[in-house]
Amino acid sequence: MMAKAVTTLQWTGLVVLFGGDYIFPYLGMPEPQLYVWLKERKMFAALAFFLLGNNIATGLLSTGAFESAYPIFQ
């Protein structure tokens, strides 16, 4: 469940990063300072959202256990 939440936040962040110029005026809000700062560093922010989001979600999904689909001994 946590991995799904992280993935949702990751994609929401990317949508806001690339569509914020249209989203905030549509909602009648001024652009938040964090968005302005991220917009000035768009490539860095996009890579950070993508890579960190995937890394966190993968870490939450991995259990460290080895499971085999076919048992060796029957």
PDB file of N, CA and C in Angstrom:
ATOM      1  N   MET A   1       0.832  -1.187   0.000  1.00  0.00           N
ATOM      2  CA  MET A   1       0.000   0.000   0.000  1.00  0.00           C
ATOM      3  C   MET A   1       0.885   1.262   0.000  1.00  0.00           C
ATOM      4  N   MET A   2       1.957   1.229   0.779  1.00  0.00           N
ATOM      5  CA  MET A   2       2.869   2.380   0.824  1.00  0.00           C
ATOM      6  C   MET A   2       3.548   2.589  -0.532  1.00  0.00           C
ATOM      7  N   ALA A   3       3.891   1.489  -1.199  1.00  0.00           N
ATOM      8  CA  ALA A   3       4.545   1.601  -2.508  1.00  0.00           C
ATOM      9  C   ALA A   3       3.602   2.255  -3.518  1.00  0.00           C
ATOM     10  N   LYS A   4       2.319   1.931  -3.449  1.00  0.00           N
ATOM     11  CA  LYS A   4       1.347   2.561  -4.348  1.00  0.00           C
ATOM     12  C   LYS A   4       1.214   4.045  -4.047  1.00  0.00           C
ATOM     13  N   ALA A   5       1.252   4.399  -2.765  1.00  0.00           N
ATOM     14  CA  ALA A   5       1.167   5.813  -2.386  1.00  0.00           C
ATOM     15  C   ALA A   5       2.380   6.583  -2.891  1.00  0.00           C
ATOM     16  N   VAL A   6       3.574   5.988  -2.773  1.00  0.00           N
ATOM     17  CA  VAL A   6       4.791   6.646  -3.266  1.00  0.00           C
ATOM     18  C   VAL A   6       4.727   6.817  -4.771  1.00  0.00           C
ATOM     19  N   THR A   7       4.271   5.782  -5.476  1.00  0.00           N
ATOM     20  CA  THR A   7       4.157   5.866  -6.938  1.00  0.00           C
ATOM     21  C   THR A   7       3.145   6.930  -7.345  1.00  0.00           C
ATOM     22  N   THR A   8       2.032   7.015  -6.622  1.00  0.00           N
ATOM     23  CA  THR A   8       1.026   8.039  -6.920  1.00  0.00           C
ATOM     24  C   THR A   8       1.594   9.433  -6.694  1.00  0.00           C
ATOM     25  N   LEU A   9       2.316   9.624  -5.600  1.00  0.00           N
ATOM     26  CA  LEU A   9       2.945  10.923  -5.344  1.00  0.00           C
ATOM     27  C   LEU A   9       3.988  11.256  -6.401  1.00  0.00           C
ATOM     28  N   GLN A  10       4.726  10.244  -6.834  1.00  0.00           N
ATOM     29  CA  GLN A  10       5.738  10.455  -7.872  1.00  0.00           C
ATOM     30  C   GLN A  10       5.096  10.970  -9.156  1.00  0.00           C
ATOM     31  N   TRP A  11       4.057  10.302  -9.621  1.00  0.00           N
ATOM     32  CA  TRP A  11       3.428  10.708 -10.878  1.00  0.00           C
ATOM     33  C   TRP A  11       2.666  12.016 -10.740  1.00  0.00           C
ATOM     34  N   THR A  12       2.092  12.254  -9.561  1.00  0.00           N
ATOM     35  CA  THR A  12       1.433  13.534  -9.321  1.00  0.00           C
ATOM     36  C   THR A  12       2.441  14.667  -9.375  1.00  0.00           C
ATOM     37  N   GLY A  13       3.611  14.454  -8.781  1.00  0.00           N
ATOM     38  CA  GLY A  13       4.668  15.459  -8.825  1.00  0.00           C
ATOM     39  C   GLY A  13       5.120  15.749 -10.244  1.00  0.00           C
ATOM     40  N   LEU A  14       5.258  14.708 -11.055  1.00  0.00           N
ATOM     41  CA  LEU A  14       5.666  14.914 -12.450  1.00  0.00           C
ATOM     42  C   LEU A  14       4.596  15.657 -13.244  1.00  0.00           C
ATOM     43  N   VAL A  15       3.326  15.325 -13.009  1.00  0.00           N
ATOM     44  CA  VAL A  15       2.238  16.023 -13.719  1.00  0.00           C
ATOM     45  C   VAL A  15       2.210  17.490 -13.328  1.00  0.00           C
ATOM     46  N   VAL A  16       2.353  17.783 -12.037  1.00  0.00           N
ATOM     47  CA  VAL A  16       2.350  19.178 -11.593  1.00  0.00           C
ATOM     48  C   VAL A  16       3.581  19.903 -12.123  1.00  0.00           C
ATOM     49  N   LEU A  17       4.727  19.228 -12.139  1.00  0.00           N
ATOM     50  CA  LEU A  17       5.948  19.854 -12.639  1.00  0.00           C
ATOM     51  C   LEU A  17       5.807  20.284 -14.099  1.00  0.00           C
ATOM     52  N   PHE A  18       5.262  19.396 -14.927  1.00  0.00           N
ATOM     53  CA  PHE A  18       5.165  19.704 -16.352  1.00  0.00           C
ATOM     54  C   PHE A  18       3.867  20.404 -16.745  1.00  0.00           C
ATOM     55  N   GLY A  19       2.834  20.328 -15.904  1.00  0.00           N
ATOM     56  CA  GLY A  19       1.570  20.961 -16.250  1.00  0.00           C
ATOM     57  C   GLY A  19       1.165  22.092 -15.329  1.00  0.00           C
ATOM     58  N   GLY A  20       2.041  22.463 -14.408  1.00  0.00           N
ATOM     59  CA  GLY A  20       1.712  23.490 -13.432  1.00  0.00           C
ATOM     60  C   GLY A  20       1.399  24.842 -14.033  1.00  0.00           C
ATOM     61  N   ASP A  21       1.994  25.153 -15.175  1.00  0.00           N
ATOM     62  CA  ASP A  21       1.713  26.431 -15.830  1.00  0.00           C
ATOM     63  C   ASP A  21       0.251  26.542 -16.239  1.00  0.00           C
ATOM     64  N   TYR A  22      -0.397  25.407 -16.425  1.00  0.00           N
ATOM     65  CA  TYR A  22      -1.809  25.391 -16.798  1.00  0.00           C
ATOM     66  C   TYR A  22      -2.713  25.089 -15.604  1.00  0.00           C
ATOM     67  N   ILE A  23      -2.211  24.279 -14.663  1.00  0.00           N
ATOM     68  CA  ILE A  23      -3.030  23.840 -13.528  1.00  0.00           C
ATOM     69  C   ILE A  23      -3.315  24.985 -12.561  1.00  0.00           C
ATOM     70  N   PHE A  24      -2.269  25.717 -12.155  1.00  0.00           N
ATOM     71  CA  PHE A  24      -2.459  26.762 -11.150  1.00  0.00           C
ATOM     72  C   PHE A  24      -3.340  27.913 -11.632  1.00  0.00           C
ATOM     73  N   PRO A  25      -3.167  28.406 -12.862  1.00  0.00           N
ATOM     74  CA  PRO A  25      -4.106  29.449 -13.318  1.00  0.00           C
ATOM     75  C   PRO A  25      -5.546  28.934 -13.442  1.00  0.00           C
ATOM     76  N   TYR A  26      -5.700  27.682 -13.840  1.00  0.00           N
ATOM     77  CA  TYR A  26      -7.041  27.100 -13.952  1.00  0.00           C
ATOM     78  C   TYR A  26      -7.728  27.058 -12.596  1.00  0.00           C
ATOM     79  N   LEU A  27      -6.959  26.755 -11.542  1.00  0.00           N
ATOM     80  CA  LEU A  27      -7.507  26.718 -10.194  1.00  0.00           C
ATOM     81  C   LEU A  27      -7.618  28.100  -9.561  1.00  0.00           C
ATOM     82  N   GLY A  28      -7.085  29.115 -10.228  1.00  0.00           N
ATOM     83  CA  GLY A  28      -7.142  30.474  -9.714  1.00  0.00           C
ATOM     84  C   GLY A  28      -6.189  30.716  -8.562  1.00  0.00           C
ATOM     85  N   MET A  29      -5.075  29.984  -8.544  1.00  0.00           N
ATOM     86  CA  MET A  29      -4.090  30.104  -7.465  1.00  0.00           C
ATOM     87  C   MET A  29      -2.802  30.697  -8.021  1.00  0.00           C
ATOM     88  N   PRO A  30      -2.071  31.425  -7.202  1.00  0.00           N
ATOM     89  CA  PRO A  30      -0.722  31.821  -7.623  1.00  0.00           C
ATOM     90  C   PRO A  30       0.205  30.606  -7.542  1.00  0.00           C
ATOM     91  N   GLU A  31       1.281  30.647  -8.308  1.00  0.00           N
ATOM     92  CA  GLU A  31       2.230  29.535  -8.286  1.00  0.00           C
ATOM     93  C   GLU A  31       2.970  29.518  -6.952  1.00  0.00           C
ATOM     94  N   PRO A  32       2.985  28.372  -6.262  1.00  0.00           N
ATOM     95  CA  PRO A  32       3.737  28.292  -5.003  1.00  0.00           C
ATOM     96  C   PRO A  32       5.235  28.457  -5.245  1.00  0.00           C
ATOM     97  N   GLN A  33       5.940  28.949  -4.239  1.00  0.00           N
ATOM     98  CA  GLN A  33       7.384  29.181  -4.378  1.00  0.00           C
ATOM     99  C   GLN A  33       8.129  27.883  -4.659  1.00  0.00           C
ATOM    100  N   LEU A  34       7.704  26.779  -4.050  1.00  0.00           N
ATOM    101  CA  LEU A  34       8.358  25.498  -4.308  1.00  0.00           C
ATOM    102  C   LEU A  34       8.223  25.120  -5.782  1.00  0.00           C
ATOM    103  N   TYR A  35       7.041  25.345  -6.353  1.00  0.00           N
ATOM    104  CA  TYR A  35       6.846  25.040  -7.771  1.00  0.00           C
ATOM    105  C   TYR A  35       7.736  25.912  -8.654  1.00  0.00           C
ATOM    106  N   VAL A  36       7.841  27.192  -8.320  1.00  0.00           N
ATOM    107  CA  VAL A  36       8.696  28.101  -9.100  1.00  0.00           C
ATOM    108  C   VAL A  36      10.141  27.641  -9.034  1.00  0.00           C
ATOM    109  N   TRP A  37      10.586  27.237  -7.843  1.00  0.00           N
ATOM    110  CA  TRP A  37      11.967  26.770  -7.675  1.00  0.00           C
ATOM    111  C   TRP A  37      12.199  25.495  -8.476  1.00  0.00           C
ATOM    112  N   LEU A  38      11.237  24.554  -8.439  1.00  0.00           N
ATOM    113  CA  LEU A  38      11.370  23.315  -9.199  1.00  0.00           C
ATOM    114  C   LEU A  38      11.289  23.561 -10.703  1.00  0.00           C
ATOM    115  N   LYS A  39      10.452  24.523 -11.107  1.00  0.00           N
ATOM    116  CA  LYS A  39      10.305  24.834 -12.533  1.00  0.00           C
ATOM    117  C   LYS A  39      11.611  25.376 -13.111  1.00  0.00           C
ATOM    118  N   GLU A  40      12.351  26.134 -12.312  1.00  0.00           N
ATOM    119  CA  GLU A  40      13.641  26.658 -12.767  1.00  0.00           C
ATOM    120  C   GLU A  40      14.675  25.547 -12.926  1.00  0.00           C
ATOM    121  N   ARG A  41      14.475  24.447 -12.256  1.00  0.00           N
ATOM    122  CA  ARG A  41      15.376  23.295 -12.312  1.00  0.00           C
ATOM    123  C   ARG A  41      14.596  22.065 -12.772  1.00  0.00           C
ATOM    124  N   LYS A  42      13.914  22.194 -13.894  1.00  0.00           N
ATOM    125  CA  LYS A  42      12.947  21.193 -14.334  1.00  0.00           C
ATOM    126  C   LYS A  42      13.569  19.824 -14.599  1.00  0.00           C
ATOM    127  N   MET A  43      14.705  19.762 -15.269  1.00  0.00           N
ATOM    128  CA  MET A  43      15.315  18.467 -15.565  1.00  0.00           C
ATOM    129  C   MET A  43      15.773  17.773 -14.289  1.00  0.00           C
ATOM    130  N   PHE A  44      16.402  18.522 -13.391  1.00  0.00           N
ATOM    131  CA  PHE A  44      16.839  17.954 -12.122  1.00  0.00           C
ATOM    132  C   PHE A  44      15.645  17.446 -11.329  1.00  0.00           C
ATOM    133  N   ALA A  45      14.587  18.237 -11.262  1.00  0.00           N
ATOM    134  CA  ALA A  45      13.401  17.862 -10.498  1.00  0.00           C
ATOM    135  C   ALA A  45      12.727  16.626 -11.097  1.00  0.00           C
ATOM    136  N   ALA A  46      12.635  16.556 -12.422  1.00  0.00           N
ATOM    137  CA  ALA A  46      12.003  15.411 -13.068  1.00  0.00           C
ATOM    138  C   ALA A  46      12.795  14.133 -12.799  1.00  0.00           C
ATOM    139  N   LEU A  47      14.111  14.214 -12.920  1.00  0.00           N
ATOM    140  CA  LEU A  47      14.936  13.041 -12.628  1.00  0.00           C
ATOM    141  C   LEU A  47      14.837  12.642 -11.163  1.00  0.00           C
ATOM    142  N   ALA A  48      14.802  13.613 -10.283  1.00  0.00           N
ATOM    143  CA  ALA A  48      14.684  13.319  -8.857  1.00  0.00           C
ATOM    144  C   ALA A  48      13.340  12.649  -8.558  1.00  0.00           C
ATOM    145  N   PHE A  49      12.249  13.184  -9.097  1.00  0.00           N
ATOM    146  CA  PHE A  49      10.938  12.556  -8.894  1.00  0.00           C
ATOM    147  C   PHE A  49      10.952  11.122  -9.404  1.00  0.00           C
ATOM    148  N   PHE A  50      11.474  10.944 -10.602  1.00  0.00           N
ATOM    149  CA  PHE A  50      11.434   9.628 -11.226  1.00  0.00           C
ATOM    150  C   PHE A  50      12.343   8.637 -10.512  1.00  0.00           C
ATOM    151  N   LEU A  51      13.608   9.000 -10.312  1.00  0.00           N
ATOM    152  CA  LEU A  51      14.565   8.060  -9.726  1.00  0.00           C
ATOM    153  C   LEU A  51      14.305   7.807  -8.248  1.00  0.00           C
ATOM    154  N   LEU A  52      14.067   8.850  -7.477  1.00  0.00           N
ATOM    155  CA  LEU A  52      13.817   8.655  -6.052  1.00  0.00           C
ATOM    156  C   LEU A  52      12.494   7.924  -5.817  1.00  0.00           C
ATOM    157  N   GLY A  53      11.487   8.259  -6.589  1.00  0.00           N
ATOM    158  CA  GLY A  53      10.209   7.565  -6.455  1.00  0.00           C
ATOM    159  C   GLY A  53      10.333   6.085  -6.743  1.00  0.00           C
ATOM    160  N   ASN A  54      11.036   5.745  -7.820  1.00  0.00           N
ATOM    161  CA  ASN A  54      11.231   4.330  -8.150  1.00  0.00           C
ATOM    162  C   ASN A  54      12.072   3.634  -7.087  1.00  0.00           C
ATOM    163  N   ASN A  55      13.100   4.295  -6.593  1.00  0.00           N
ATOM    164  CA  ASN A  55      13.970   3.697  -5.591  1.00  0.00           C
ATOM    165  C   ASN A  55      13.208   3.423  -4.305  1.00  0.00           C
ATOM    166  N   ILE A  56      12.406   4.374  -3.852  1.00  0.00           N
ATOM    167  CA  ILE A  56      11.641   4.201  -2.617  1.00  0.00           C
ATOM    168  C   ILE A  56      10.584   3.111  -2.796  1.00  0.00           C
ATOM    169  N   ALA A  57       9.870   3.133  -3.905  1.00  0.00           N
ATOM    170  CA  ALA A  57       8.828   2.131  -4.137  1.00  0.00           C
ATOM    171  C   ALA A  57       9.428   0.733  -4.243  1.00  0.00           C
ATOM    172  N   THR A  58      10.560   0.599  -4.906  1.00  0.00           N
ATOM    173  CA  THR A  58      11.213  -0.700  -5.022  1.00  0.00           C
ATOM    174  C   THR A  58      11.678  -1.186  -3.660  1.00  0.00           C
ATOM    175  N   GLY A  59      12.216  -0.286  -2.856  1.00  0.00           N
ATOM    176  CA  GLY A  59      12.645  -0.654  -1.514  1.00  0.00           C
ATOM    177  C   GLY A  59      11.485  -1.102  -0.648  1.00  0.00           C
ATOM    178  N   LEU A  60      10.332  -0.498  -0.811  1.00  0.00           N
ATOM    179  CA  LEU A  60       9.168  -0.898  -0.035  1.00  0.00           C
ATOM    180  C   LEU A  60       8.607  -2.247  -0.485  1.00  0.00           C
ATOM    181  N   LEU A  61       8.782  -2.568  -1.760  1.00  0.00           N
ATOM    182  CA  LEU A  61       8.237  -3.823  -2.275  1.00  0.00           C
ATOM    183  C   LEU A  61       9.149  -5.013  -2.029  1.00  0.00           C
ATOM    184  N   SER A  62      10.451  -4.797  -1.922  1.00  0.00           N
ATOM    185  CA  SER A  62      11.371  -5.925  -1.758  1.00  0.00           C
ATOM    186  C   SER A  62      11.332  -6.419  -0.315  1.00  0.00           C
ATOM    187  N   THR A  63      11.274  -7.709  -0.178  1.00  0.00           N
ATOM    188  CA  THR A  63      11.218  -8.309   1.153  1.00  0.00           C
ATOM    189  C   THR A  63      12.551  -8.909   1.550  1.00  0.00           C
ATOM    190  N   GLY A  64      13.413  -9.147   0.582  1.00  0.00           N
ATOM    191  CA  GLY A  64      14.685  -9.788   0.869  1.00  0.00           C
ATOM    192  C   GLY A  64      14.581 -11.304   0.903  1.00  0.00           C
ATOM    193  N   ALA A  65      13.401 -11.831   0.717  1.00  0.00           N
ATOM    194  CA  ALA A  65      13.206 -13.280   0.744  1.00  0.00           C
ATOM    195  C   ALA A  65      13.348 -13.851  -0.662  1.00  0.00           C
ATOM    196  N   PHE A  66      13.909 -15.034  -0.734  1.00  0.00           N
ATOM    197  CA  PHE A  66      14.042 -15.708  -2.014  1.00  0.00           C
ATOM    198  C   PHE A  66      12.906 -16.698  -2.134  1.00  0.00           C
ATOM    199  N   GLU A  67      12.157 -16.585  -3.189  1.00  0.00           N
ATOM    200  CA  GLU A  67      11.045 -17.500  -3.405  1.00  0.00           C
ATOM    201  C   GLU A  67      11.191 -18.125  -4.779  1.00  0.00           C
ATOM    202  N   SER A  68      10.936 -19.390  -4.830  1.00  0.00           N
ATOM    203  CA  SER A  68      11.033 -20.116  -6.085  1.00  0.00           C
ATOM    204  C   SER A  68       9.647 -20.522  -6.517  1.00  0.00           C
ATOM    205  N   ALA A  69       9.387 -20.411  -7.808  1.00  0.00           N
ATOM    206  CA  ALA A  69       8.085 -20.779  -8.327  1.00  0.00           C
ATOM    207  C   ALA A  69       7.929 -22.307  -8.376  1.00  0.00           C
ATOM    208  N   TYR A  70       9.039 -23.011  -8.574  1.00  0.00           N
ATOM    209  CA  TYR A  70       8.990 -24.466  -8.673  1.00  0.00           C
ATOM    210  C   TYR A  70       9.854 -25.070  -7.565  1.00  0.00           C
ATOM    211  N   PRO A  71       9.246 -25.860  -6.700  1.00  0.00           N
ATOM    212  CA  PRO A  71      10.052 -26.452  -5.623  1.00  0.00           C
ATOM    213  C   PRO A  71      11.051 -27.463  -6.198  1.00  0.00           C
ATOM    214  N   ILE A  72      12.252 -27.452  -5.628  1.00  0.00           N
ATOM    215  CA  ILE A  72      13.298 -28.361  -6.097  1.00  0.00           C
ATOM    216  C   ILE A  72      12.997 -29.780  -5.607  1.00  0.00           C
ATOM    217  N   PHE A  73      12.621 -29.868  -4.370  1.00  0.00           N
ATOM    218  CA  PHE A  73      12.326 -31.182  -3.786  1.00  0.00           C
ATOM    219  C   PHE A  73      10.828 -31.352  -3.638  1.00  0.00           C
ATOM    220  N   GLN A  74      10.327 -32.484  -4.073  1.00  0.00           N
ATOM    221  CA  GLN A  74       8.887 -32.732  -3.949  1.00  0.00           C
ATOM    222  C   GLN A  74       8.612 -33.866  -3.003  1.00  0.00           C
TER     223      GLN A  74
END
